[in-house]
Each structure stands twice: as structure tokens, then as C-alpha cells.
Amino acid sequence: MDFEGRGAVRINSENLLAFRLFDKEGRVCNEGMVETLDISRTGIAIQFKEAMDIGLKIELTIGLGDDVVKTIGKVRNLQEVDDGQFQIGIEFDFLTDEDLNKIAIVYPSILK
């Protein structure tokens, strides 16, 4: 599923997510596990202890119940929160219909 612009409904979520962040040369520059804050058809928000540069490619593996969704995205926004952590918005580059259906099993309203 290709995406254009915002407007997708965001749903609060608390799922484990593993990530690998790539620098501009395509090398892994950071990786780890975090919890998600919200999810939509077009992206996901996470909270992390370090800032991430806008525009960098990020590989995601999202735990959803007994299943996982693997996708690639880009860091689109960054906001420092009160406790010295950063809220990071990630836009999916592509999400298959199969992966969207996996998300919809846990978050049915994502299809609206």
C-alpha cells in the first residue's frame, strides 16, 4: 500500500518495536528496542532516549500479539519530551495489505 500525505487516524498503541536506523551512507548507526506510542496506516510514533535525524531511513519490526510486521520508513519529526526522551514520528515507505491486515487484527479502527 503506497501512501500520500497525512490524515490517517492515529491509534494509541503499546507494542514492542525493534529498529535499525541507517545513516546517509546506508550504514546502521543506531539500533534498539522501544515501545510504540501510536500507529496509523501511514506511520508510527515511538519514544527513544536519543534524537534521530529527520529524513533518515529506519527499518522496523513491530510486535503485534503473536505476529510481527516488518517495514521500512523515514524519520519525519522529532519532539523532545519532559523527561529528556524524544518522541519520534516515522512515516512508512510501504506497507503491504497483508501487514495492514495484521495490524487491523489488533487495531481494527486502523482500516477506517
PDB file of N, CA and C in Angstrom:
ATOM      1  N   MET A   1       0.840  -1.164   0.000  1.00  0.00           N
ATOM      2  CA  MET A   1       0.000   0.000   0.000  1.00  0.00           C
ATOM      3  C   MET A   1       0.893   1.238   0.000  1.00  0.00           C
ATOM      4  N   ASP A   2       0.787   2.076  -1.022  1.00  0.00           N
ATOM      5  CA  ASP A   2       1.536   3.325  -1.080  1.00  0.00           C
ATOM      6  C   ASP A   2       0.755   4.405  -0.360  1.00  0.00           C
ATOM      7  N   PHE A   3       1.472   5.412   0.144  1.00  0.00           N
ATOM      8  CA  PHE A   3       0.839   6.446   0.948  1.00  0.00           C
ATOM      9  C   PHE A   3       1.043   7.819   0.349  1.00  0.00           C
ATOM     10  N   GLU A   4       0.046   8.670   0.533  1.00  0.00           N
ATOM     11  CA  GLU A   4       0.145  10.071   0.149  1.00  0.00           C
ATOM     12  C   GLU A   4      -0.376  10.921   1.293  1.00  0.00           C
ATOM     13  N   GLY A   5       0.490  11.745   1.858  1.00  0.00           N
ATOM     14  CA  GLY A   5       0.082  12.707   2.873  1.00  0.00           C
ATOM     15  C   GLY A   5      -0.411  12.106   4.167  1.00  0.00           C
ATOM     16  N   ARG A   6      -0.851  13.004   5.050  1.00  0.00           N
ATOM     17  CA  ARG A   6      -1.364  12.594   6.354  1.00  0.00           C
ATOM     18  C   ARG A   6      -2.854  12.422   6.306  1.00  0.00           C
ATOM     19  N   GLY A   7      -3.474  12.431   7.465  1.00  0.00           N
ATOM     20  CA  GLY A   7      -4.915  12.312   7.534  1.00  0.00           C
ATOM     21  C   GLY A   7      -5.361  10.971   8.065  1.00  0.00           C
ATOM     22  N   ALA A   8      -4.439  10.028   8.227  1.00  0.00           N
ATOM     23  CA  ALA A   8      -4.806   8.714   8.755  1.00  0.00           C
ATOM     24  C   ALA A   8      -5.067   8.835  10.260  1.00  0.00           C
ATOM     25  N   VAL A   9      -6.033   8.075  10.734  1.00  0.00           N
ATOM     26  CA  VAL A   9      -6.377   8.063  12.149  1.00  0.00           C
ATOM     27  C   VAL A   9      -5.232   7.452  12.948  1.00  0.00           C
ATOM     28  N   ARG A  10      -4.816   8.146  14.004  1.00  0.00           N
ATOM     29  CA  ARG A  10      -3.770   7.625  14.879  1.00  0.00           C
ATOM     30  C   ARG A  10      -4.420   6.909  16.047  1.00  0.00           C
ATOM     31  N   ILE A  11      -3.872   5.748  16.373  1.00  0.00           N
ATOM     32  CA  ILE A  11      -4.422   4.921  17.438  1.00  0.00           C
ATOM     33  C   ILE A  11      -3.337   4.717  18.488  1.00  0.00           C
ATOM     34  N   ASN A  12      -3.663   4.998  19.748  1.00  0.00           N
ATOM     35  CA  ASN A  12      -2.692   4.756  20.812  1.00  0.00           C
ATOM     36  C   ASN A  12      -2.299   3.286  20.792  1.00  0.00           C
ATOM     37  N   SER A  13      -0.998   3.030  20.947  1.00  0.00           N
ATOM     38  CA  SER A  13      -0.516   1.653  20.930  1.00  0.00           C
ATOM     39  C   SER A  13       0.652   1.495  21.888  1.00  0.00           C
ATOM     40  N   GLU A  14       0.795   0.314  22.413  1.00  0.00           N
ATOM     41  CA  GLU A  14       1.930  -0.027  23.263  1.00  0.00           C
ATOM     42  C   GLU A  14       2.432  -1.394  22.831  1.00  0.00           C
ATOM     43  N   ASN A  15       3.226  -1.378  21.766  1.00  0.00           N
ATOM     44  CA  ASN A  15       3.782  -2.605  21.229  1.00  0.00           C
ATOM     45  C   ASN A  15       5.298  -2.493  21.240  1.00  0.00           C
ATOM     46  N   LEU A  16       5.982  -3.625  21.367  1.00  0.00           N
ATOM     47  CA  LEU A  16       7.434  -3.616  21.243  1.00  0.00           C
ATOM     48  C   LEU A  16       7.813  -3.457  19.782  1.00  0.00           C
ATOM     49  N   LEU A  17       8.843  -2.685  19.555  1.00  0.00           N
ATOM     50  CA  LEU A  17       9.318  -2.421  18.212  1.00  0.00           C
ATOM     51  C   LEU A  17      10.838  -2.487  18.224  1.00  0.00           C
ATOM     52  N   ALA A  18      11.405  -3.271  17.334  1.00  0.00           N
ATOM     53  CA  ALA A  18      12.856  -3.292  17.136  1.00  0.00           C
ATOM     54  C   ALA A  18      13.152  -2.428  15.922  1.00  0.00           C
ATOM     55  N   PHE A  19      14.231  -1.648  15.994  1.00  0.00           N
ATOM     56  CA  PHE A  19      14.561  -0.779  14.866  1.00  0.00           C
ATOM     57  C   PHE A  19      16.047  -0.834  14.545  1.00  0.00           C
ATOM     58  N   ARG A  20      16.332  -0.496  13.301  1.00  0.00           N
ATOM     59  CA  ARG A  20      17.701  -0.258  12.835  1.00  0.00           C
ATOM     60  C   ARG A  20      17.655   1.038  12.048  1.00  0.00           C
ATOM     61  N   LEU A  21      18.410   2.029  12.509  1.00  0.00           N
ATOM     62  CA  LEU A  21      18.467   3.341  11.873  1.00  0.00           C
ATOM     63  C   LEU A  21      19.706   3.399  10.986  1.00  0.00           C
ATOM     64  N   PHE A  22      19.541   3.921   9.772  1.00  0.00           N
ATOM     65  CA  PHE A  22      20.636   3.982   8.811  1.00  0.00           C
ATOM     66  C   PHE A  22      21.072   5.426   8.593  1.00  0.00           C
ATOM     67  N   ASP A  23      22.390   5.649   8.522  1.00  0.00           N
ATOM     68  CA  ASP A  23      22.888   6.995   8.239  1.00  0.00           C
ATOM     69  C   ASP A  23      22.756   7.279   6.744  1.00  0.00           C
ATOM     70  N   LYS A  24      23.202   8.453   6.324  1.00  0.00           N
ATOM     71  CA  LYS A  24      23.045   8.866   4.927  1.00  0.00           C
ATOM     72  C   LYS A  24      23.840   8.000   3.961  1.00  0.00           C
ATOM     73  N   GLU A  25      24.845   7.282   4.465  1.00  0.00           N
ATOM     74  CA  GLU A  25      25.638   6.383   3.634  1.00  0.00           C
ATOM     75  C   GLU A  25      25.082   4.960   3.626  1.00  0.00           C
ATOM     76  N   GLY A  26      23.964   4.740   4.322  1.00  0.00           N
ATOM     77  CA  GLY A  26      23.327   3.434   4.334  1.00  0.00           C
ATOM     78  C   GLY A  26      23.872   2.469   5.375  1.00  0.00           C
ATOM     79  N   ARG A  27      24.676   2.968   6.317  1.00  0.00           N
ATOM     80  CA  ARG A  27      25.215   2.128   7.388  1.00  0.00           C
ATOM     81  C   ARG A  27      24.327   2.214   8.618  1.00  0.00           C
ATOM     82  N   VAL A  28      24.202   1.106   9.345  1.00  0.00           N
ATOM     83  CA  VAL A  28      23.444   1.120  10.594  1.00  0.00           C
ATOM     84  C   VAL A  28      24.173   2.027  11.583  1.00  0.00           C
ATOM     85  N   CYS A  29      23.473   3.047  12.082  1.00  0.00           N
ATOM     86  CA  CYS A  29      24.088   3.987  13.022  1.00  0.00           C
ATOM     87  C   CYS A  29      23.471   3.902  14.412  1.00  0.00           C
ATOM     88  N   ASN A  30      22.346   3.188  14.532  1.00  0.00           N
ATOM     89  CA  ASN A  30      21.710   3.008  15.830  1.00  0.00           C
ATOM     90  C   ASN A  30      20.707   1.864  15.694  1.00  0.00           C
ATOM     91  N   GLU A  31      20.528   1.136  16.773  1.00  0.00           N
ATOM     92  CA  GLU A  31      19.517   0.086  16.782  1.00  0.00           C
ATOM     93  C   GLU A  31      19.097  -0.168  18.205  1.00  0.00           C
ATOM     94  N   GLY A  32      17.908  -0.716  18.363  1.00  0.00           N
ATOM     95  CA  GLY A  32      17.424  -0.980  19.699  1.00  0.00           C
ATOM     96  C   GLY A  32      15.985  -1.428  19.699  1.00  0.00           C
ATOM     97  N   MET A  33      15.419  -1.451  20.901  1.00  0.00           N
ATOM     98  CA  MET A  33      14.014  -1.806  21.085  1.00  0.00           C
ATOM     99  C   MET A  33      13.339  -0.706  21.882  1.00  0.00           C
ATOM    100  N   VAL A  34      12.122  -0.379  21.488  1.00  0.00           N
ATOM    101  CA  VAL A  34      11.333   0.661  22.148  1.00  0.00           C
ATOM    102  C   VAL A  34       9.882   0.223  22.176  1.00  0.00           C
ATOM    103  N   GLU A  35       9.050   0.996  22.859  1.00  0.00           N
ATOM    104  CA  GLU A  35       7.605   0.803  22.794  1.00  0.00           C
ATOM    105  C   GLU A  35       7.017   1.844  21.858  1.00  0.00           C
ATOM    106  N   THR A  36       5.963   1.449  21.165  1.00  0.00           N
ATOM    107  CA  THR A  36       5.274   2.393  20.294  1.00  0.00           C
ATOM    108  C   THR A  36       4.356   3.282  21.128  1.00  0.00           C
ATOM    109  N   LEU A  37       4.078   4.473  20.606  1.00  0.00           N
ATOM    110  CA  LEU A  37       3.140   5.400  21.245  1.00  0.00           C
ATOM    111  C   LEU A  37       1.811   5.419  20.515  1.00  0.00           C
ATOM    112  N   ASP A  38       1.871   5.476  19.188  1.00  0.00           N
ATOM    113  CA  ASP A  38       0.666   5.400  18.379  1.00  0.00           C
ATOM    114  C   ASP A  38       1.015   4.835  17.009  1.00  0.00           C
ATOM    115  N   ILE A  39      -0.023   4.417  16.309  1.00  0.00           N
ATOM    116  CA  ILE A  39       0.154   3.807  14.990  1.00  0.00           C
ATOM    117  C   ILE A  39      -0.988   4.251  14.096  1.00  0.00           C
ATOM    118  N   SER A  40      -0.721   4.365  12.800  1.00  0.00           N
ATOM    119  CA  SER A  40      -1.749   4.676  11.814  1.00  0.00           C
ATOM    120  C   SER A  40      -1.434   3.890  10.547  1.00  0.00           C
ATOM    121  N   ARG A  41      -2.255   4.073   9.540  1.00  0.00           N
ATOM    122  CA  ARG A  41      -1.996   3.406   8.255  1.00  0.00           C
ATOM    123  C   ARG A  41      -0.717   3.914   7.614  1.00  0.00           C
ATOM    124  N   THR A  42      -0.316   5.120   7.948  1.00  0.00           N
ATOM    125  CA  THR A  42       0.820   5.744   7.266  1.00  0.00           C
ATOM    126  C   THR A  42       2.089   5.850   8.099  1.00  0.00           C
ATOM    127  N   GLY A  43       2.010   5.529   9.399  1.00  0.00           N
ATOM    128  CA  GLY A  43       3.222   5.670  10.201  1.00  0.00           C
ATOM    129  C   GLY A  43       3.031   5.257  11.643  1.00  0.00           C
ATOM    130  N   ILE A  44       4.058   5.543  12.417  1.00  0.00           N
ATOM    131  CA  ILE A  44       4.095   5.109  13.809  1.00  0.00           C
ATOM    132  C   ILE A  44       4.912   6.122  14.616  1.00  0.00           C
ATOM    133  N   ALA A  45       4.594   6.265  15.889  1.00  0.00           N
ATOM    134  CA  ALA A  45       5.366   7.133  16.778  1.00  0.00           C
ATOM    135  C   ALA A  45       5.997   6.270  17.863  1.00  0.00           C
ATOM    136  N   ILE A  46       7.253   6.597  18.183  1.00  0.00           N
ATOM    137  CA  ILE A  46       7.973   5.899  19.241  1.00  0.00           C
ATOM    138  C   ILE A  46       8.583   6.925  20.185  1.00  0.00           C
ATOM    139  N   GLN A  47       9.003   6.462  21.339  1.00  0.00           N
ATOM    140  CA  GLN A  47       9.751   7.306  22.265  1.00  0.00           C
ATOM    141  C   GLN A  47      11.112   6.660  22.459  1.00  0.00           C
ATOM    142  N   PHE A  48      12.183   7.479  22.363  1.00  0.00           N
ATOM    143  CA  PHE A  48      13.542   6.957  22.441  1.00  0.00           C
ATOM    144  C   PHE A  48      14.420   7.918  23.208  1.00  0.00           C
ATOM    145  N   LYS A  49      15.495   7.418  23.760  1.00  0.00           N
ATOM    146  CA  LYS A  49      16.392   8.205  24.616  1.00  0.00           C
ATOM    147  C   LYS A  49      17.320   9.127  23.846  1.00  0.00           C
ATOM    148  N   GLU A  50      17.373   8.995  22.527  1.00  0.00           N
ATOM    149  CA  GLU A  50      18.257   9.820  21.707  1.00  0.00           C
ATOM    150  C   GLU A  50      17.477  10.415  20.543  1.00  0.00           C
ATOM    151  N   ALA A  51      17.953  11.555  20.060  1.00  0.00           N
ATOM    152  CA  ALA A  51      17.350  12.172  18.878  1.00  0.00           C
ATOM    153  C   ALA A  51      17.739  11.368  17.638  1.00  0.00           C
ATOM    154  N   MET A  52      16.911  11.456  16.611  1.00  0.00           N
ATOM    155  CA  MET A  52      17.200  10.853  15.314  1.00  0.00           C
ATOM    156  C   MET A  52      17.072  11.943  14.269  1.00  0.00           C
ATOM    157  N   ASP A  53      17.968  11.946  13.299  1.00  0.00           N
ATOM    158  CA  ASP A  53      17.936  12.968  12.256  1.00  0.00           C
ATOM    159  C   ASP A  53      16.746  12.768  11.332  1.00  0.00           C
ATOM    160  N   ILE A  54      16.055  13.861  11.033  1.00  0.00           N
ATOM    161  CA  ILE A  54      14.922  13.851  10.116  1.00  0.00           C
ATOM    162  C   ILE A  54      15.405  13.363   8.744  1.00  0.00           C
ATOM    163  N   GLY A  55      14.607  12.506   8.128  1.00  0.00           N
ATOM    164  CA  GLY A  55      14.902  12.028   6.783  1.00  0.00           C
ATOM    165  C   GLY A  55      15.663  10.718   6.717  1.00  0.00           C
ATOM    166  N   LEU A  56      16.211  10.252   7.853  1.00  0.00           N
ATOM    167  CA  LEU A  56      16.964   9.006   7.817  1.00  0.00           C
ATOM    168  C   LEU A  56      16.039   7.805   7.651  1.00  0.00           C
ATOM    169  N   LYS A  57      16.543   6.797   6.959  1.00  0.00           N
ATOM    170  CA  LYS A  57      15.815   5.545   6.754  1.00  0.00           C
ATOM    171  C   LYS A  57      15.871   4.724   8.032  1.00  0.00           C
ATOM    172  N   ILE A  58      14.742   4.066   8.350  1.00  0.00           N
ATOM    173  CA  ILE A  58      14.668   3.236   9.548  1.00  0.00           C
ATOM    174  C   ILE A  58      13.911   1.952   9.215  1.00  0.00           C
ATOM    175  N   GLU A  59      14.496   0.838   9.623  1.00  0.00           N
ATOM    176  CA  GLU A  59      13.885  -0.479   9.431  1.00  0.00           C
ATOM    177  C   GLU A  59      13.177  -0.847  10.721  1.00  0.00           C
ATOM    178  N   LEU A  60      11.922  -1.286  10.617  1.00  0.00           N
ATOM    179  CA  LEU A  60      11.097  -1.543  11.788  1.00  0.00           C
ATOM    180  C   LEU A  60      10.606  -2.992  11.808  1.00  0.00           C
ATOM    181  N   THR A  61      10.603  -3.579  12.985  1.00  0.00           N
ATOM    182  CA  THR A  61       9.939  -4.860  13.226  1.00  0.00           C
ATOM    183  C   THR A  61       9.021  -4.636  14.414  1.00  0.00           C
ATOM    184  N   ILE A  62       7.709  -4.642  14.146  1.00  0.00           N
ATOM    185  CA  ILE A  62       6.705  -4.290  15.149  1.00  0.00           C
ATOM    186  C   ILE A  62       6.042  -5.562  15.654  1.00  0.00           C
ATOM    187  N   GLY A  63       6.085  -5.769  16.972  1.00  0.00           N
ATOM    188  CA  GLY A  63       5.408  -6.909  17.579  1.00  0.00           C
ATOM    189  C   GLY A  63       3.936  -6.610  17.771  1.00  0.00           C
ATOM    190  N   LEU A  64       3.090  -7.484  17.239  1.00  0.00           N
ATOM    191  CA  LEU A  64       1.631  -7.320  17.330  1.00  0.00           C
ATOM    192  C   LEU A  64       1.027  -8.635  17.788  1.00  0.00           C
ATOM    193  N   GLY A  65       0.824  -8.781  19.075  1.00  0.00           N
ATOM    194  CA  GLY A  65       0.306 -10.043  19.598  1.00  0.00           C
ATOM    195  C   GLY A  65       1.279 -11.160  19.301  1.00  0.00           C
ATOM    196  N   ASP A  66       0.809 -12.179  18.585  1.00  0.00           N
ATOM    197  CA  ASP A  66       1.662 -13.305  18.215  1.00  0.00           C
ATOM    198  C   ASP A  66       2.313 -13.135  16.852  1.00  0.00           C
ATOM    199  N   ASP A  67       2.208 -11.964  16.259  1.00  0.00           N
ATOM    200  CA  ASP A  67       2.706 -11.731  14.916  1.00  0.00           C
ATOM    201  C   ASP A  67       3.661 -10.542  14.891  1.00  0.00           C
ATOM    202  N   VAL A  68       4.347 -10.373  13.778  1.00  0.00           N
ATOM    203  CA  VAL A  68       5.209  -9.210  13.586  1.00  0.00           C
ATOM    204  C   VAL A  68       4.957  -8.613  12.208  1.00  0.00           C
ATOM    205  N   VAL A  69       5.203  -7.313  12.112  1.00  0.00           N
ATOM    206  CA  VAL A  69       5.168  -6.604  10.840  1.00  0.00           C
ATOM    207  C   VAL A  69       6.546  -5.991  10.652  1.00  0.00           C
ATOM    208  N   LYS A  70       7.142  -6.267   9.498  1.00  0.00           N
ATOM    209  CA  LYS A  70       8.443  -5.687   9.154  1.00  0.00           C
ATOM    210  C   LYS A  70       8.224  -4.686   8.034  1.00  0.00           C
ATOM    211  N   THR A  71       8.794  -3.493   8.202  1.00  0.00           N
ATOM    212  CA  THR A  71       8.640  -2.460   7.184  1.00  0.00           C
ATOM    213  C   THR A  71       9.814  -1.491   7.262  1.00  0.00           C
ATOM    214  N   ILE A  72       9.879  -0.617   6.291  1.00  0.00           N
ATOM    215  CA  ILE A  72      10.893   0.432   6.209  1.00  0.00           C
ATOM    216  C   ILE A  72      10.167   1.770   6.248  1.00  0.00           C
ATOM    217  N   GLY A  73      10.791   2.759   6.854  1.00  0.00           N
ATOM    218  CA  GLY A  73      10.203   4.087   6.887  1.00  0.00           C
ATOM    219  C   GLY A  73      11.267   5.154   6.932  1.00  0.00           C
ATOM    220  N   LYS A  74      10.816   6.383   7.145  1.00  0.00           N
ATOM    221  CA  LYS A  74      11.716   7.530   7.287  1.00  0.00           C
ATOM    222  C   LYS A  74      11.331   8.308   8.533  1.00  0.00           C
ATOM    223  N   VAL A  75      12.320   8.828   9.223  1.00  0.00           N
ATOM    224  CA  VAL A  75      12.081   9.693  10.369  1.00  0.00           C
ATOM    225  C   VAL A  75      11.527  11.003   9.830  1.00  0.00           C
ATOM    226  N   ARG A  76      10.318  11.376  10.268  1.00  0.00           N
ATOM    227  CA  ARG A  76       9.655  12.571   9.745  1.00  0.00           C
ATOM    228  C   ARG A  76       9.575  13.717  10.742  1.00  0.00           C
ATOM    229  N   ASN A  77       9.519  13.429  12.028  1.00  0.00           N
ATOM    230  CA  ASN A  77       9.502  14.522  13.001  1.00  0.00           C
ATOM    231  C   ASN A  77      10.062  14.050  14.328  1.00  0.00           C
ATOM    232  N   LEU A  78      10.421  15.023  15.137  1.00  0.00           N
ATOM    233  CA  LEU A  78      11.114  14.772  16.395  1.00  0.00           C
ATOM    234  C   LEU A  78      10.693  15.834  17.390  1.00  0.00           C
ATOM    235  N   GLN A  79      10.373  15.404  18.603  1.00  0.00           N
ATOM    236  CA  GLN A  79       9.993  16.351  19.647  1.00  0.00           C
ATOM    237  C   GLN A  79      10.575  15.877  20.969  1.00  0.00           C
ATOM    238  N   GLU A  80      11.301  16.754  21.646  1.00  0.00           N
ATOM    239  CA  GLU A  80      11.826  16.404  22.961  1.00  0.00           C
ATOM    240  C   GLU A  80      10.677  16.471  23.966  1.00  0.00           C
ATOM    241  N   VAL A  81      10.578  15.455  24.817  1.00  0.00           N
ATOM    242  CA  VAL A  81       9.533  15.427  25.837  1.00  0.00           C
ATOM    243  C   VAL A  81      10.163  15.689  27.196  1.00  0.00           C
ATOM    244  N   ASP A  82       9.321  15.899  28.199  1.00  0.00           N
ATOM    245  CA  ASP A  82       9.756  16.386  29.508  1.00  0.00           C
ATOM    246  C   ASP A  82      10.895  15.613  30.158  1.00  0.00           C
ATOM    247  N   ASP A  83      10.915  14.308  30.022  1.00  0.00           N
ATOM    248  CA  ASP A  83      11.895  13.519  30.761  1.00  0.00           C
ATOM    249  C   ASP A  83      13.209  13.306  30.010  1.00  0.00           C
ATOM    250  N   GLY A  84      13.506  14.163  29.018  1.00  0.00           N
ATOM    251  CA  GLY A  84      14.757  14.053  28.280  1.00  0.00           C
ATOM    252  C   GLY A  84      14.720  13.001  27.188  1.00  0.00           C
ATOM    253  N   GLN A  85      13.565  12.426  26.958  1.00  0.00           N
ATOM    254  CA  GLN A  85      13.379  11.465  25.882  1.00  0.00           C
ATOM    255  C   GLN A  85      12.872  12.216  24.646  1.00  0.00           C
ATOM    256  N   PHE A  86      12.842  11.518  23.531  1.00  0.00           N
ATOM    257  CA  PHE A  86      12.374  12.110  22.284  1.00  0.00           C
ATOM    258  C   PHE A  86      11.213  11.302  21.722  1.00  0.00           C
ATOM    259  N   GLN A  87      10.173  12.012  21.314  1.00  0.00           N
ATOM    260  CA  GLN A  87       9.071  11.382  20.597  1.00  0.00           C
ATOM    261  C   GLN A  87       9.400  11.514  19.117  1.00  0.00           C
ATOM    262  N   ILE A  88       9.419  10.386  18.414  1.00  0.00           N
ATOM    263  CA  ILE A  88       9.869  10.351  17.027  1.00  0.00           C
ATOM    264  C   ILE A  88       8.749   9.829  16.145  1.00  0.00           C
ATOM    265  N   GLY A  89       8.400  10.612  15.133  1.00  0.00           N
ATOM    266  CA  GLY A  89       7.388  10.209  14.165  1.00  0.00           C
ATOM    267  C   GLY A  89       8.043   9.588  12.952  1.00  0.00           C
ATOM    268  N   ILE A  90       7.568   8.414  12.577  1.00  0.00           N
ATOM    269  CA  ILE A  90       8.130   7.669  11.455  1.00  0.00           C
ATOM    270  C   ILE A  90       7.025   7.435  10.427  1.00  0.00           C
ATOM    271  N   GLU A  91       7.305   7.775   9.187  1.00  0.00           N
ATOM    272  CA  GLU A  91       6.364   7.537   8.103  1.00  0.00           C
ATOM    273  C   GLU A  91       6.767   6.250   7.383  1.00  0.00           C
ATOM    274  N   PHE A  92       5.806   5.340   7.202  1.00  0.00           N
ATOM    275  CA  PHE A  92       6.080   4.118   6.459  1.00  0.00           C
ATOM    276  C   PHE A  92       6.333   4.458   4.996  1.00  0.00           C
ATOM    277  N   ASP A  93       7.342   3.834   4.388  1.00  0.00           N
ATOM    278  CA  ASP A  93       7.544   3.971   2.943  1.00  0.00           C
ATOM    279  C   ASP A  93       6.546   3.099   2.192  1.00  0.00           C
ATOM    280  N   PHE A  94       6.265   1.944   2.765  1.00  0.00           N
ATOM    281  CA  PHE A  94       5.377   0.984   2.115  1.00  0.00           C
ATOM    282  C   PHE A  94       4.874   0.008   3.164  1.00  0.00           C
ATOM    283  N   LEU A  95       3.637  -0.391   3.048  1.00  0.00           N
ATOM    284  CA  LEU A  95       3.049  -1.376   3.946  1.00  0.00           C
ATOM    285  C   LEU A  95       2.173  -2.287   3.089  1.00  0.00           C
ATOM    286  N   THR A  96       2.430  -3.582   3.113  1.00  0.00           N
ATOM    287  CA  THR A  96       1.625  -4.497   2.297  1.00  0.00           C
ATOM    288  C   THR A  96       0.220  -4.597   2.869  1.00  0.00           C
ATOM    289  N   ASP A  97      -0.718  -5.023   2.040  1.00  0.00           N
ATOM    290  CA  ASP A  97      -2.082  -5.252   2.516  1.00  0.00           C
ATOM    291  C   ASP A  97      -2.078  -6.329   3.598  1.00  0.00           C
ATOM    292  N   GLU A  98      -1.217  -7.333   3.433  1.00  0.00           N
ATOM    293  CA  GLU A  98      -1.111  -8.392   4.445  1.00  0.00           C
ATOM    294  C   GLU A  98      -0.670  -7.813   5.792  1.00  0.00           C
ATOM    295  N   ASP A  99       0.324  -6.921   5.761  1.00  0.00           N
ATOM    296  CA  ASP A  99       0.788  -6.303   7.007  1.00  0.00           C
ATOM    297  C   ASP A  99      -0.277  -5.388   7.605  1.00  0.00           C
ATOM    298  N   LEU A 100      -0.990  -4.652   6.764  1.00  0.00           N
ATOM    299  CA  LEU A 100      -2.069  -3.799   7.262  1.00  0.00           C
ATOM    300  C   LEU A 100      -3.138  -4.651   7.948  1.00  0.00           C
ATOM    301  N   ASN A 101      -3.430  -5.809   7.381  1.00  0.00           N
ATOM    302  CA  ASN A 101      -4.405  -6.714   7.993  1.00  0.00           C
ATOM    303  C   ASN A 101      -3.910  -7.261   9.326  1.00  0.00           C
ATOM    304  N   LYS A 102      -2.608  -7.506   9.445  1.00  0.00           N
ATOM    305  CA  LYS A 102      -2.046  -7.954  10.724  1.00  0.00           C
ATOM    306  C   LYS A 102      -2.236  -6.878  11.794  1.00  0.00           C
ATOM    307  N   ILE A 103      -2.012  -5.624  11.409  1.00  0.00           N
ATOM    308  CA  ILE A 103      -2.216  -4.513  12.341  1.00  0.00           C
ATOM    309  C   ILE A 103      -3.691  -4.402  12.699  1.00  0.00           C
ATOM    310  N   ALA A 104      -4.564  -4.580  11.712  1.00  0.00           N
ATOM    311  CA  ALA A 104      -6.006  -4.426  11.922  1.00  0.00           C
ATOM    312  C   ALA A 104      -6.575  -5.488  12.864  1.00  0.00           C
ATOM    313  N   ILE A 105      -5.918  -6.623  12.976  1.00  0.00           N
ATOM    314  CA  ILE A 105      -6.384  -7.644  13.925  1.00  0.00           C
ATOM    315  C   ILE A 105      -6.294  -7.098  15.344  1.00  0.00           C
ATOM    316  N   VAL A 106      -5.235  -6.357  15.636  1.00  0.00           N
ATOM    317  CA  VAL A 106      -5.035  -5.769  16.966  1.00  0.00           C
ATOM    318  C   VAL A 106      -5.740  -4.418  17.080  1.00  0.00           C
ATOM    319  N   TYR A 107      -5.728  -3.636  15.991  1.00  0.00           N
ATOM    320  CA  TYR A 107      -6.310  -2.286  15.976  1.00  0.00           C
ATOM    321  C   TYR A 107      -7.293  -2.168  14.804  1.00  0.00           C
ATOM    322  N   PRO A 108      -8.515  -2.702  14.959  1.00  0.00           N
ATOM    323  CA  PRO A 108      -9.484  -2.725  13.847  1.00  0.00           C
ATOM    324  C   PRO A 108      -9.796  -1.344  13.263  1.00  0.00           C
ATOM    325  N   SER A 109      -9.769  -0.318  14.085  1.00  0.00           N
ATOM    326  CA  SER A 109     -10.132   1.021  13.589  1.00  0.00           C
ATOM    327  C   SER A 109      -9.074   1.606  12.639  1.00  0.00           C
ATOM    328  N   ILE A 110      -7.945   0.938  12.465  1.00  0.00           N
ATOM    329  CA  ILE A 110      -6.910   1.433  11.550  1.00  0.00           C
ATOM    330  C   ILE A 110      -7.411   1.406  10.099  1.00  0.00           C
ATOM    331  N   LEU A 111      -8.402   0.587   9.823  1.00  0.00           N
ATOM    332  CA  LEU A 111      -8.936   0.471   8.467  1.00  0.00           C
ATOM    333  C   LEU A 111      -9.927   1.567   8.110  1.00  0.00           C
ATOM    334  N   LYS A 112     -10.293   2.405   9.075  1.00  0.00           N
ATOM    335  CA  LYS A 112     -11.271   3.475   8.820  1.00  0.00           C
ATOM    336  C   LYS A 112     -10.644   4.624   8.076  1.00  0.00           C
TER     337      LYS A 112
END
